[in-house]
Amino acid sequence: MITCVVHYVIDPAKTADFERFATRWMDLVARHGGVHHGYFLPAEGASDAALALFSFPSLADYETYRARFGDDPEFVEADRIRDESGCVVRYDRTFMRPLLP
C-alpha cells in the first residue's frame, strides 16, 4: 500500500470552497480504487494549512488513477473548483508507506 499525503496552503477566507473541492476528490479517489482517509482542515485560530491523506494498493494503481487528470471530465471539474475559487495557494505531495500493527 502507498499513501499520498498532500500538504496544502489554503486561503483561509475560502475554506468553504476548499471543502467543496475536497468533497469532490474524496468521492473520486473512492470510485477509482483508493481509500480516502480524509482532509484535515484548520480547527483553531487562523491557519492556512490543510492536509489530505489517501491510499492505493500500489504506486501503479495510483498512477492509473492519476492518468485521468486533465482528461476525465469529473477530474477536470473537481480541479476547476480549486482553480476558479483560488482556495488553494499551493500544494505538494509526499508518498509514504504505512507501518501498521
Protein backbone atom coordinates (compact mmCIF):
# COMPACT_ATOMS: atom_id res chain seq x y z
CA MET A 1 0.00 0.00 0.00
CA ILE A 2 1.10 3.56 -0.71
CA THR A 3 -0.33 6.63 0.98
CA CYS A 4 -0.29 10.04 -0.61
CA VAL A 5 -0.03 12.93 1.84
CA VAL A 6 -0.94 16.25 0.27
CA HIS A 7 0.15 19.39 2.13
CA TYR A 8 -1.96 22.40 1.17
CA VAL A 9 -1.56 26.09 1.80
CA ILE A 10 -5.10 27.41 1.53
CA ASP A 11 -6.73 30.82 1.53
CA PRO A 12 -8.44 30.89 4.96
CA ALA A 13 -11.15 33.19 3.56
CA LYS A 14 -12.08 30.48 1.04
CA THR A 15 -12.42 27.46 3.33
CA ALA A 16 -15.95 26.72 2.07
CA ASP A 17 -14.61 26.50 -1.50
CA PHE A 18 -11.81 24.22 -0.31
CA GLU A 19 -14.38 21.97 1.38
CA ARG A 20 -16.35 21.70 -1.90
CA PHE A 21 -13.11 20.84 -3.73
CA ALA A 22 -12.14 18.28 -1.06
CA THR A 23 -15.54 16.59 -1.06
CA ARG A 24 -15.30 16.04 -4.82
CA TRP A 25 -11.84 14.49 -4.55
CA MET A 26 -12.82 12.15 -1.72
CA ASP A 27 -15.53 10.72 -3.96
CA LEU A 28 -13.22 10.43 -6.98
CA VAL A 29 -10.48 8.63 -5.02
CA ALA A 30 -13.00 6.14 -3.64
CA ARG A 31 -14.58 5.48 -7.03
CA HIS A 32 -11.20 4.90 -8.68
CA GLY A 33 -9.72 2.30 -6.36
CA GLY A 34 -8.33 4.31 -3.47
CA VAL A 35 -9.23 4.77 0.16
CA HIS A 36 -9.52 8.38 1.26
CA HIS A 37 -8.58 8.96 4.89
CA GLY A 38 -9.95 12.49 4.85
CA TYR A 39 -8.96 16.10 4.63
CA PHE A 40 -7.73 17.81 7.75
CA LEU A 41 -8.57 21.49 7.99
CA PRO A 42 -7.65 24.23 10.45
CA ALA A 43 -9.72 23.96 13.61
CA GLU A 44 -8.49 26.66 15.98
CA GLY A 45 -7.23 30.12 15.22
CA ALA A 46 -6.15 31.48 11.87
CA SER A 47 -4.32 28.94 9.78
CA ASP A 48 -3.62 28.34 6.14
CA ALA A 49 -2.52 24.70 6.44
CA ALA A 50 -4.59 21.69 5.37
CA LEU A 51 -3.77 18.03 4.68
CA ALA A 52 -5.25 15.18 2.70
CA LEU A 53 -4.34 11.51 3.06
CA PHE A 54 -5.40 8.74 0.73
CA SER A 55 -4.07 5.30 -0.13
CA PHE A 56 -3.89 2.98 -3.11
CA PRO A 57 -2.86 -0.66 -3.12
CA SER A 58 0.31 0.21 -5.06
CA LEU A 59 2.10 3.05 -6.81
CA ALA A 60 0.98 1.53 -10.14
CA ASP A 61 -2.66 1.78 -9.00
CA TYR A 62 -2.09 5.39 -8.00
CA GLU A 63 -0.55 6.12 -11.41
CA THR A 64 -3.61 4.60 -13.15
CA TYR A 65 -5.83 6.93 -11.10
CA ARG A 66 -3.51 9.88 -11.77
CA ALA A 67 -3.59 9.26 -15.54
CA ARG A 68 -7.20 10.51 -15.54
CA PHE A 69 -6.17 14.04 -14.54
CA GLY A 70 -6.74 16.54 -17.30
CA ASP A 71 -8.81 14.13 -19.43
CA ASP A 72 -11.69 12.77 -17.37
CA PRO A 73 -14.48 15.40 -17.15
CA GLU A 74 -15.14 14.69 -13.45
CA PHE A 75 -11.47 15.20 -12.59
CA VAL A 76 -11.35 18.41 -14.64
CA GLU A 77 -14.49 19.70 -12.90
CA ALA A 78 -13.05 18.96 -9.44
CA ASP A 79 -9.90 20.90 -10.30
CA ARG A 80 -11.99 23.74 -11.70
CA ILE A 81 -13.38 24.38 -8.20
CA ARG A 82 -9.82 24.88 -6.95
CA ASP A 83 -8.68 26.94 -9.92
CA GLU A 84 -11.68 29.26 -10.17
CA SER A 85 -12.08 29.89 -6.45
CA GLY A 86 -8.38 30.32 -5.67
CA CYS A 87 -8.88 28.36 -2.44
CA VAL A 88 -5.51 26.59 -2.81
CA VAL A 89 -2.43 28.78 -2.77
CA ARG A 90 -0.06 25.84 -3.30
CA TYR A 91 0.33 22.17 -2.54
CA ASP A 92 2.84 19.36 -2.60
CA ARG A 93 2.62 15.58 -2.41
CA THR A 94 4.62 13.08 -0.40
CA PHE A 95 4.27 9.32 -0.79
CA MET A 96 4.58 7.20 2.31
CA ARG A 97 4.16 3.59 3.25
CA PRO A 98 2.26 2.82 6.43
CA LEU A 99 3.68 0.78 9.26
CA LEU A 100 0.59 -0.81 10.75
CA PRO A 101 0.15 -3.00 13.84
